[in-house]
PDB file of N, CA and C in Angstrom:
ATOM      1  N   ASP A   1      91.884  95.156  93.603  1.00  0.00           N
ATOM      2  CA  ASP A   1      92.075  95.288  92.142  1.00  0.00           C
ATOM      3  C   ASP A   1      91.190  95.484  90.998  1.00  0.00           C
ATOM      4  N   VAL A   2      90.045  95.680  91.445  1.00  0.00           N
ATOM      5  CA  VAL A   2      88.443  96.201  90.742  1.00  0.00           C
ATOM      6  C   VAL A   2      89.805  97.863  90.704  1.00  0.00           C
ATOM      7  N   ALA A   3      89.780  99.007  91.658  1.00  0.00           N
ATOM      8  CA  ALA A   3      89.559  99.922  91.596  1.00  0.00           C
ATOM      9  C   ALA A   3      91.042  99.909  90.767  1.00  0.00           C
ATOM     10  N   LYS A   4      92.212  99.151  90.733  1.00  0.00           N
ATOM     11  CA  LYS A   4      93.606  99.554  89.912  1.00  0.00           C
ATOM     12  C   LYS A   4      92.875  99.123  88.326  1.00  0.00           C
ATOM     13  N   HIS A   5      92.645  98.119  88.111  1.00  0.00           N
ATOM     14  CA  HIS A   5      92.265  98.028  86.782  1.00  0.00           C
ATOM     15  C   HIS A   5      91.620  99.379  86.487  1.00  0.00           C
ATOM     16  N   ALA A   6      90.508  99.336  86.736  1.00  0.00           N
ATOM     17  CA  ALA A   6      89.324 100.703  86.354  1.00  0.00           C
ATOM     18  C   ALA A   6      89.778 101.621  86.565  1.00  0.00           C
ATOM     19  N   GLY A   7      91.302 102.081  86.800  1.00  0.00           N
ATOM     20  CA  GLY A   7      91.569 103.041  86.868  1.00  0.00           C
ATOM     21  C   GLY A   7      92.478 103.243  86.117  1.00  0.00           C
ATOM     22  N   ARG A   8      93.305 102.609  86.129  1.00  0.00           N
ATOM     23  CA  ARG A   8      94.505 102.086  84.317  1.00  0.00           C
ATOM     24  C   ARG A   8      93.458 102.105  83.422  1.00  0.00           C
ATOM     25  N   GLY A   9      92.226 102.044  83.035  1.00  0.00           N
ATOM     26  CA  GLY A   9      91.257 101.952  81.887  1.00  0.00           C
ATOM     27  C   GLY A   9      91.412 100.434  81.256  1.00  0.00           C
ATOM     28  N   SER A  10      92.033  99.840  82.571  1.00  0.00           N
ATOM     29  CA  SER A  10      91.670  97.825  81.515  1.00  0.00           C
ATOM     30  C   SER A  10      90.285  97.231  82.130  1.00  0.00           C
ATOM     31  N   SER A  11      89.348  97.511  81.505  1.00  0.00           N
ATOM     32  CA  SER A  11      87.668  97.301  81.959  1.00  0.00           C
ATOM     33  C   SER A  11      87.633  95.594  82.032  1.00  0.00           C
ATOM     34  N   TRP A  12      88.206  95.043  80.919  1.00  0.00           N
ATOM     35  CA  TRP A  12      88.211  93.698  81.279  1.00  0.00           C
ATOM     36  C   TRP A  12      89.087  92.650  82.193  1.00  0.00           C
ATOM     37  N   ARG A  13      89.540  93.193  83.134  1.00  0.00           N
ATOM     38  CA  ARG A  13      90.341  93.062  83.911  1.00  0.00           C
ATOM     39  C   ARG A  13      90.404  92.679  85.275  1.00  0.00           C
ATOM     40  N   ALA A  14      89.046  94.580  85.501  1.00  0.00           N
ATOM     41  CA  ALA A  14      88.557  94.714  86.443  1.00  0.00           C
ATOM     42  C   ALA A  14      87.293  94.195  86.337  1.00  0.00           C
ATOM     43  N   LEU A  15      86.596  94.408  85.380  1.00  0.00           N
ATOM     44  CA  LEU A  15      85.169  92.805  85.183  1.00  0.00           C
ATOM     45  C   LEU A  15      85.643  91.607  85.785  1.00  0.00           C
ATOM     46  N   ARG A  16      86.778  91.339  85.513  1.00  0.00           N
ATOM     47  CA  ARG A  16      86.968  89.924  85.628  1.00  0.00           C
ATOM     48  C   ARG A  16      87.363  89.931  87.714  1.00  0.00           C
ATOM     49  N   SER A  17      88.077  90.865  87.917  1.00  0.00           N
ATOM     50  CA  SER A  17      88.145  91.104  89.539  1.00  0.00           C
ATOM     51  C   SER A  17      86.948  91.245  90.035  1.00  0.00           C
ATOM     52  N   LEU A  18      85.954  91.833  89.826  1.00  0.00           N
ATOM     53  CA  LEU A  18      84.879  91.931  89.974  1.00  0.00           C
ATOM     54  C   LEU A  18      83.998  90.809  90.186  1.00  0.00           C
ATOM     55  N   GLN A  19      84.193  90.044  89.140  1.00  0.00           N
ATOM     56  CA  GLN A  19      83.386  88.620  89.609  1.00  0.00           C
ATOM     57  C   GLN A  19      84.160  87.896  90.240  1.00  0.00           C
ATOM     58  N   GLU A  20      85.455  88.075  90.662  1.00  0.00           N
ATOM     59  CA  GLU A  20      85.981  86.759  91.407  1.00  0.00           C
ATOM     60  C   GLU A  20      85.665  87.408  92.705  1.00  0.00           C
ATOM     61  N   VAL A  21      85.336  88.157  92.766  1.00  0.00           N
ATOM     62  CA  VAL A  21      84.969  88.908  94.328  1.00  0.00           C
ATOM     63  C   VAL A  21      83.539  88.447  94.618  1.00  0.00           C
ATOM     64  N   ARG A  22      82.812  88.820  93.605  1.00  0.00           N
ATOM     65  CA  ARG A  22      81.048  88.279  93.669  1.00  0.00           C
ATOM     66  C   ARG A  22      81.535  86.844  93.975  1.00  0.00           C
ATOM     67  N   ASP A  23      81.766  86.062  93.124  1.00  0.00           N
ATOM     68  CA  ASP A  23      82.355  84.538  93.471  1.00  0.00           C
ATOM     69  C   ASP A  23      82.371  84.524  95.243  1.00  0.00           C
ATOM     70  N   LEU A  24      83.172  84.900  95.654  1.00  0.00           N
ATOM     71  CA  LEU A  24      83.788  85.142  96.727  1.00  0.00           C
ATOM     72  C   LEU A  24      82.357  85.485  97.674  1.00  0.00           C
ATOM     73  N   VAL A  25      82.039  86.426  97.317  1.00  0.00           N
ATOM     74  CA  VAL A  25      80.637  86.735  97.915  1.00  0.00           C
ATOM     75  C   VAL A  25      80.001  85.736  98.379  1.00  0.00           C
ATOM     76  N   TRP A  26      79.321  85.387  97.204  1.00  0.00           N
ATOM     77  CA  TRP A  26      78.427  84.478  97.399  1.00  0.00           C
ATOM     78  C   TRP A  26      78.760  83.150  98.444  1.00  0.00           C
ATOM     79  N   GLN A  27      80.392  82.582  97.902  1.00  0.00           N
ATOM     80  CA  GLN A  27      80.283  81.342  98.323  1.00  0.00           C
ATOM     81  C   GLN A  27      80.697  81.989 100.378  1.00  0.00           C
ATOM     82  N   LEU A  28      80.859  83.063 101.030  1.00  0.00           N
ATOM     83  CA  LEU A  28      80.944  83.713 102.078  1.00  0.00           C
ATOM     84  C   LEU A  28      79.182  83.483 102.441  1.00  0.00           C
ATOM     85  N   HIS A  29      78.325  83.883 101.781  1.00  0.00           N
ATOM     86  CA  HIS A  29      76.587  83.925 102.062  1.00  0.00           C
ATOM     87  C   HIS A  29      76.101  82.409 102.126  1.00  0.00           C
ATOM     88  N   ALA A  30      77.014  81.734 101.325  1.00  0.00           N
ATOM     89  CA  ALA A  30      76.259  80.292 100.949  1.00  0.00           C
ATOM     90  C   ALA A  30      77.052  79.472 102.350  1.00  0.00           C
ATOM     91  N   ALA A  31      77.912  79.809 103.317  1.00  0.00           N
ATOM     92  CA  ALA A  31      78.408  79.379 104.515  1.00  0.00           C
ATOM     93  C   ALA A  31      78.001  79.653 105.422  1.00  0.00           C
ATOM     94  N   ALA A  32      77.255  81.284 105.492  1.00  0.00           N
ATOM     95  CA  ALA A  32      77.086  81.467 106.164  1.00  0.00           C
ATOM     96  C   ALA A  32      75.406  81.562 106.892  1.00  0.00           C
ATOM     97  N   LEU A  33      75.090  80.966 105.725  1.00  0.00           N
ATOM     98  CA  LEU A  33      73.481  79.859 105.558  1.00  0.00           C
ATOM     99  C   LEU A  33      74.025  78.758 105.782  1.00  0.00           C
ATOM    100  N   GLY A  34      74.952  78.152 105.926  1.00  0.00           N
ATOM    101  CA  GLY A  34      75.108  76.603 106.322  1.00  0.00           C
ATOM    102  C   GLY A  34      74.611  75.609 105.527  1.00  0.00           C
ATOM    103  N   VAL A  35      74.525  76.314 104.073  1.00  0.00           N
ATOM    104  CA  VAL A  35      74.395  75.148 102.839  1.00  0.00           C
ATOM    105  C   VAL A  35      75.300  74.305 102.445  1.00  0.00           C
ATOM    106  N   ASP A  36      74.935  73.181 101.577  1.00  0.00           N
ATOM    107  CA  ASP A  36      76.140  72.074 101.463  1.00  0.00           C
ATOM    108  C   ASP A  36      76.970  72.409 100.194  1.00  0.00           C
ATOM    109  N   TYR A  37      78.643  72.517 100.373  1.00  0.00           N
ATOM    110  CA  TYR A  37      79.060  73.157  99.668  1.00  0.00           C
ATOM    111  C   TYR A  37      79.042  74.251  98.925  1.00  0.00           C
ATOM    112  N   PRO A  38      79.276  75.047 100.426  1.00  0.00           N
ATOM    113  CA  PRO A  38      79.029  76.475  99.567  1.00  0.00           C
ATOM    114  C   PRO A  38      80.195  76.806  98.680  1.00  0.00           C
ATOM    115  N   HIS A  39      81.428  76.411  98.715  1.00  0.00           N
ATOM    116  CA  HIS A  39      82.122  76.467  96.923  1.00  0.00           C
ATOM    117  C   HIS A  39      81.484  76.911  96.368  1.00  0.00           C
ATOM    118  N   PHE A  40      80.076  76.168  96.133  1.00  0.00           N
ATOM    119  CA  PHE A  40      79.757  76.448  94.417  1.00  0.00           C
ATOM    120  C   PHE A  40      78.907  77.587  94.724  1.00  0.00           C
ATOM    121  N   GLY A  41      78.187  78.527  95.610  1.00  0.00           N
ATOM    122  CA  GLY A  41      78.137  79.731  95.462  1.00  0.00           C
ATOM    123  C   GLY A  41      76.770  80.044  95.098  1.00  0.00           C
ATOM    124  N   PRO A  42      76.439  80.454  94.294  1.00  0.00           N
ATOM    125  CA  PRO A  42      74.814  81.066  93.575  1.00  0.00           C
ATOM    126  C   PRO A  42      74.458  79.272  93.267  1.00  0.00           C
ATOM    127  N   VAL A  43      75.077  78.712  93.300  1.00  0.00           N
ATOM    128  CA  VAL A  43      74.630  77.136  92.848  1.00  0.00           C
ATOM    129  C   VAL A  43      74.119  76.097  94.083  1.00  0.00           C
ATOM    130  N   SER A  44      74.891  76.469  95.054  1.00  0.00           N
ATOM    131  CA  SER A  44      74.477  75.775  96.404  1.00  0.00           C
ATOM    132  C   SER A  44      73.790  76.329  96.946  1.00  0.00           C
ATOM    133  N   VAL A  45      73.626  77.940  97.186  1.00  0.00           N
ATOM    134  CA  VAL A  45      72.327  78.826  97.601  1.00  0.00           C
ATOM    135  C   VAL A  45      70.926  78.299  96.724  1.00  0.00           C
ATOM    136  N   GLU A  46      70.718  78.523  95.353  1.00  0.00           N
ATOM    137  CA  GLU A  46      69.593  77.844  94.722  1.00  0.00           C
ATOM    138  C   GLU A  46      69.361  76.951  95.135  1.00  0.00           C
ATOM    139  N   ASN A  47      70.301  76.106  95.004  1.00  0.00           N
ATOM    140  CA  ASN A  47      69.848  74.238  95.089  1.00  0.00           C
ATOM    141  C   ASN A  47      69.005  74.555  96.492  1.00  0.00           C
ATOM    142  N   ALA A  48      69.785  75.020  97.677  1.00  0.00           N
ATOM    143  CA  ALA A  48      68.634  74.793  98.940  1.00  0.00           C
ATOM    144  C   ALA A  48      67.739  75.603  98.749  1.00  0.00           C
ATOM    145  N   GLY A  49      67.569  75.958  98.047  1.00  0.00           N
ATOM    146  CA  GLY A  49      65.754  77.011  98.226  1.00  0.00           C
ATOM    147  C   GLY A  49      66.505  78.224  98.463  1.00  0.00           C
ATOM    148  N   LEU A  50      67.199  79.085  98.935  1.00  0.00           N
ATOM    149  CA  LEU A  50      67.197  79.854  99.620  1.00  0.00           C
ATOM    150  C   LEU A  50      67.929  81.248  99.028  1.00  0.00           C
ATOM    151  N   GLY A  51      67.477  82.449  99.034  1.00  0.00           N
ATOM    152  CA  GLY A  51      67.600  83.579  98.294  1.00  0.00           C
ATOM    153  C   GLY A  51      68.968  84.003  98.455  1.00  0.00           C
ATOM    154  N   ALA A  52      69.316  85.118  97.459  1.00  0.00           N
ATOM    155  CA  ALA A  52      70.940  85.704  97.306  1.00  0.00           C
ATOM    156  C   ALA A  52      70.576  86.618  98.394  1.00  0.00           C
ATOM    157  N   PRO A  53      71.837  87.009  98.680  1.00  0.00           N
ATOM    158  CA  PRO A  53      72.340  88.394  99.446  1.00  0.00           C
ATOM    159  C   PRO A  53      71.351  89.027  98.558  1.00  0.00           C
ATOM    160  N   ALA A  54      70.805  89.838  99.984  1.00  0.00           N
ATOM    161  CA  ALA A  54      70.250  90.881  99.444  1.00  0.00           C
ATOM    162  C   ALA A  54      71.556  92.636  99.485  1.00  0.00           C
ATOM    163  N   GLY A  55      71.004  92.945  97.767  1.00  0.00           N
ATOM    164  CA  GLY A  55      71.758  93.560  97.103  1.00  0.00           C
ATOM    165  C   GLY A  55      72.273  93.224  95.989  1.00  0.00           C
ATOM    166  N   ILE A  56      72.799  91.930  96.040  1.00  0.00           N
ATOM    167  CA  ILE A  56      73.614  91.645  94.962  1.00  0.00           C
ATOM    168  C   ILE A  56      73.373  91.960  93.495  1.00  0.00           C
ATOM    169  N   GLU A  57      72.249  92.378  93.387  1.00  0.00           N
ATOM    170  CA  GLU A  57      72.329  92.535  92.196  1.00  0.00           C
ATOM    171  C   GLU A  57      73.025  93.609  91.518  1.00  0.00           C
ATOM    172  N   ALA A  58      73.167  94.876  92.377  1.00  0.00           N
ATOM    173  CA  ALA A  58      73.607  95.628  91.723  1.00  0.00           C
ATOM    174  C   ALA A  58      74.894  95.965  92.145  1.00  0.00           C
ATOM    175  N   SER A  59      75.473  94.679  92.083  1.00  0.00           N
ATOM    176  CA  SER A  59      76.702  94.300  91.954  1.00  0.00           C
ATOM    177  C   SER A  59      77.362  94.318  90.302  1.00  0.00           C
ATOM    178  N   LEU A  60      75.957  94.075  89.434  1.00  0.00           N
ATOM    179  CA  LEU A  60      76.300  94.071  88.639  1.00  0.00           C
ATOM    180  C   LEU A  60      75.988  94.963  87.364  1.00  0.00           C
ATOM    181  N   PRO A  61      77.666  95.860  86.791  1.00  0.00           N
ATOM    182  CA  PRO A  61      77.597  96.548  86.009  1.00  0.00           C
ATOM    183  C   PRO A  61      77.182  96.270  84.607  1.00  0.00           C
ATOM    184  N   SER A  62      75.990  97.491  84.286  1.00  0.00           N
ATOM    185  CA  SER A  62      75.308  97.730  82.870  1.00  0.00           C
ATOM    186  C   SER A  62      76.001  97.830  81.723  1.00  0.00           C
ATOM    187  N   GLY A  63      77.970  98.425  82.021  1.00  0.00           N
ATOM    188  CA  GLY A  63      78.550  98.277  80.761  1.00  0.00           C
ATOM    189  C   GLY A  63      80.126  98.089  81.499  1.00  0.00           C
ATOM    190  N   ALA A  64      80.715  98.298  80.400  1.00  0.00           N
ATOM    191  CA  ALA A  64      82.432  98.065  80.520  1.00  0.00           C
ATOM    192  C   ALA A  64      83.272  99.053  80.752  1.00  0.00           C
ATOM    193  N   ASP A  65      82.341 100.458  81.157  1.00  0.00           N
ATOM    194  CA  ASP A  65      82.847 101.873  81.536  1.00  0.00           C
ATOM    195  C   ASP A  65      83.615 102.135  83.040  1.00  0.00           C
ATOM    196  N   PRO A  66      84.741 102.051  83.168  1.00  0.00           N
ATOM    197  CA  PRO A  66      85.753 101.690  84.589  1.00  0.00           C
ATOM    198  C   PRO A  66      84.472 102.821  85.475  1.00  0.00           C
ATOM    199  N   GLY A  67      84.061 103.604  85.545  1.00  0.00           N
ATOM    200  CA  GLY A  67      82.824 104.162  86.252  1.00  0.00           C
ATOM    201  C   GLY A  67      81.773 103.216  86.706  1.00  0.00           C
ATOM    202  N   GLU A  68      81.374 102.842  85.490  1.00  0.00           N
ATOM    203  CA  GLU A  68      80.187 101.723  86.171  1.00  0.00           C
ATOM    204  C   GLU A  68      80.480 100.128  86.867  1.00  0.00           C
ATOM    205  N   ILE A  69      81.878 100.454  86.696  1.00  0.00           N
ATOM    206  CA  ILE A  69      82.489  99.244  87.349  1.00  0.00           C
ATOM    207  C   ILE A  69      82.432  99.102  88.547  1.00  0.00           C
ATOM    208  N   LEU A  70      83.059 100.609  88.956  1.00  0.00           N
ATOM    209  CA  LEU A  70      83.269 101.288  90.405  1.00  0.00           C
ATOM    210  C   LEU A  70      82.219 101.014  91.051  1.00  0.00           C
ATOM    211  N   ARG A  71      81.235 101.368  90.506  1.00  0.00           N
ATOM    212  CA  ARG A  71      79.729 101.595  91.055  1.00  0.00           C
ATOM    213  C   ARG A  71      79.654 100.185  91.497  1.00  0.00           C
ATOM    214  N   ALA A  72      79.593  99.498  90.729  1.00  0.00           N
ATOM    215  CA  ALA A  72      79.295  97.896  91.200  1.00  0.00           C
ATOM    216  C   ALA A  72      79.924  97.106  92.090  1.00  0.00           C
ATOM    217  N   ALA A  73      80.982  97.461  92.190  1.00  0.00           N
ATOM    218  CA  ALA A  73      81.927  97.514  92.864  1.00  0.00           C
ATOM    219  C   ALA A  73      81.554  97.830  94.038  1.00  0.00           C
ATOM    220  N   ALA A  74      81.425  99.066  94.404  1.00  0.00           N
ATOM    221  CA  ALA A  74      80.815  99.911  95.506  1.00  0.00           C
ATOM    222  C   ALA A  74      79.766  99.366  96.479  1.00  0.00           C
ATOM    223  N   ALA A  75      78.462  99.276  95.736  1.00  0.00           N
ATOM    224  CA  ALA A  75      77.513  97.971  95.465  1.00  0.00           C
ATOM    225  C   ALA A  75      77.520  96.726  96.164  1.00  0.00           C
ATOM    226  N   LEU A  76      78.406  95.628  95.852  1.00  0.00           N
ATOM    227  CA  LEU A  76      79.449  94.980  96.170  1.00  0.00           C
ATOM    228  C   LEU A  76      79.897  95.230  97.241  1.00  0.00           C
ATOM    229  N   ALA A  77      80.837  96.258  97.476  1.00  0.00           N
ATOM    230  CA  ALA A  77      80.963  96.357  99.167  1.00  0.00           C
ATOM    231  C   ALA A  77      80.189  96.541 100.251  1.00  0.00           C
ATOM    232  N   GLN A  78      79.338  97.019  99.617  1.00  0.00           N
ATOM    233  CA  GLN A  78      77.880  96.765 100.657  1.00  0.00           C
ATOM    234  C   GLN A  78      77.422  95.359 100.969  1.00  0.00           C
ATOM    235  N   VAL A  79      77.249  95.100 100.022  1.00  0.00           N
ATOM    236  CA  VAL A  79      76.658  93.455 100.122  1.00  0.00           C
ATOM    237  C   VAL A  79      78.113  92.563 100.883  1.00  0.00           C
ATOM    238  N   LEU A  80      79.362  92.710 100.611  1.00  0.00           N
ATOM    239  CA  LEU A  80      79.704  91.827 102.026  1.00  0.00           C
ATOM    240  C   LEU A  80      79.788  92.669 102.935  1.00  0.00           C
ATOM    241  N   ASP A  81      79.660  93.469 103.286  1.00  0.00           N
ATOM    242  CA  ASP A  81      79.485  94.287 104.863  1.00  0.00           C
ATOM    243  C   ASP A  81      78.661  93.545 105.556  1.00  0.00           C
ATOM    244  N   GLN A  82      77.494  93.199 104.752  1.00  0.00           N
ATOM    245  CA  GLN A  82      76.651  92.303 105.472  1.00  0.00           C
ATOM    246  C   GLN A  82      76.385  90.989 105.798  1.00  0.00           C
ATOM    247  N   VAL A  83      77.149  90.591 104.629  1.00  0.00           N
ATOM    248  CA  VAL A  83      76.975  89.043 104.554  1.00  0.00           C
ATOM    249  C   VAL A  83      78.328  89.016 105.479  1.00  0.00           C
ATOM    250  N   ALA A  84      79.658  89.379 105.458  1.00  0.00           N
ATOM    251  CA  ALA A  84      80.430  89.253 106.889  1.00  0.00           C
ATOM    252  C   ALA A  84      80.017  89.017 108.134  1.00  0.00           C
ATOM    253  N   GLY A  85      79.024  90.102 108.334  1.00  0.00           N
ATOM    254  CA  GLY A  85      78.874  90.184 109.696  1.00  0.00           C
ATOM    255  C   GLY A  85      80.096  90.536 111.004  1.00  0.00           C
ATOM    256  N   PRO A  86      80.077  89.554 111.416  1.00  0.00           N
ATOM    257  CA  PRO A  86      80.979  89.408 112.772  1.00  0.00           C
ATOM    258  C   PRO A  86      82.378  89.130 112.366  1.00  0.00           C
ATOM    259  N   PHE A  87      82.466  88.688 111.027  1.00  0.00           N
ATOM    260  CA  PHE A  87      83.561  88.315 110.452  1.00  0.00           C
ATOM    261  C   PHE A  87      84.040  89.675 109.940  1.00  0.00           C
ATOM    262  N   ALA A  88      83.847  90.199 109.626  1.00  0.00           N
ATOM    263  CA  ALA A  88      84.346  91.492 108.765  1.00  0.00           C
ATOM    264  C   ALA A  88      85.501  92.515 109.795  1.00  0.00           C
ATOM    265  N   ILE A  89      86.496  92.935 108.875  1.00  0.00           N
ATOM    266  CA  ILE A  89      87.497  93.281 109.805  1.00  0.00           C
ATOM    267  C   ILE A  89      87.125  94.978 109.801  1.00  0.00           C
ATOM    268  N   SER A  90      87.455  95.193 110.971  1.00  0.00           N
ATOM    269  CA  SER A  90      87.034  96.479 111.584  1.00  0.00           C
ATOM    270  C   SER A  90      88.018  97.607 110.596  1.00  0.00           C
ATOM    271  N   GLY A  91      87.182  98.968 110.452  1.00  0.00           N
ATOM    272  CA  GLY A  91      87.754  99.713 109.036  1.00  0.00           C
ATOM    273  C   GLY A  91      87.863  99.420 107.939  1.00  0.00           C
ATOM    274  N   LEU A  92      87.927  98.478 107.549  1.00  0.00           N
ATOM    275  CA  LEU A  92      87.821  97.672 105.975  1.00  0.00           C
ATOM    276  C   LEU A  92      87.588  97.939 105.033  1.00  0.00           C
ATOM    277  N   ARG A  93      85.646  98.249 105.337  1.00  0.00           N
ATOM    278  CA  ARG A  93      85.083  98.579 104.665  1.00  0.00           C
ATOM    279  C   ARG A  93      85.273 100.047 104.090  1.00  0.00           C
ATOM    280  N   ALA A  94      85.454 100.726 105.076  1.00  0.00           N
ATOM    281  CA  ALA A  94      85.693 102.051 104.511  1.00  0.00           C
ATOM    282  C   ALA A  94      86.610 102.167 103.796  1.00  0.00           C
ATOM    283  N   ILE A  95      88.418 101.643 104.102  1.00  0.00           N
ATOM    284  CA  ILE A  95      89.090 101.380 103.210  1.00  0.00           C
ATOM    285  C   ILE A  95      88.637 101.204 101.780  1.00  0.00           C
ATOM    286  N   VAL A  96      88.153 100.220 101.955  1.00  0.00           N
ATOM    287  CA  VAL A  96      87.723 100.024 100.536  1.00  0.00           C
ATOM    288  C   VAL A  96      86.295 101.226  99.669  1.00  0.00           C
ATOM    289  N   LEU A  97      85.842 101.521 100.347  1.00  0.00           N
ATOM    290  CA  LEU A  97      85.153 102.287  99.761  1.00  0.00           C
ATOM    291  C   LEU A  97      85.772 103.685  98.867  1.00  0.00           C
ATOM    292  N   GLU A  98      86.883 103.975 100.036  1.00  0.00           N
ATOM    293  CA  GLU A  98      87.507 105.100  99.980  1.00  0.00           C
ATOM    294  C   GLU A  98      88.289 104.983  98.611  1.00  0.00           C
ATOM    295  N   ARG A  99      89.038 103.716  98.259  1.00  0.00           N
ATOM    296  CA  ARG A  99      89.820 103.602  97.070  1.00  0.00           C
ATOM    297  C   ARG A  99      88.430 103.701  96.288  1.00  0.00           C
ATOM    298  N   LEU A 100      87.387 102.914  95.966  1.00  0.00           N
ATOM    299  CA  LEU A 100      86.515 102.273  94.697  1.00  0.00           C
ATOM    300  C   LEU A 100      86.413 103.899  94.589  1.00  0.00           C
ATOM    301  N   SER A 101      86.485 105.173  95.644  1.00  0.00           N
ATOM    302  CA  SER A 101      85.429 106.297  94.812  1.00  0.00           C
ATOM    303  C   SER A 101      86.936 107.031  94.556  1.00  0.00           C
ATOM    304  N   GLY A 102      88.206 106.829  94.587  1.00  0.00           N
ATOM    305  CA  GLY A 102      89.044 107.700  93.973  1.00  0.00           C
ATOM    306  C   GLY A 102      89.922 107.183  93.354  1.00  0.00           C
TER     307      GLY A 102
END
């Protein structure tokens, strides 16, 4: 969705989609750490005194430019790849990165 909306020039919709994915990455990270109530993502992780997923800061775009949003989404794909670990779907990362770059 991020790539679709950014490609159409719908920056606000792309940003919304990016945030939705970031929320899910935080939830997955929280679940992988075994924290209580992983559904709350960063709140659960911070309340447990644990760290953020490595590289998550790079998933914040510096502006609403579609290219910047795609760059942030590609950074988030890298974080997801690390967080998903053994649960990652083989080949999905390459497909996502290809879609975000084109």
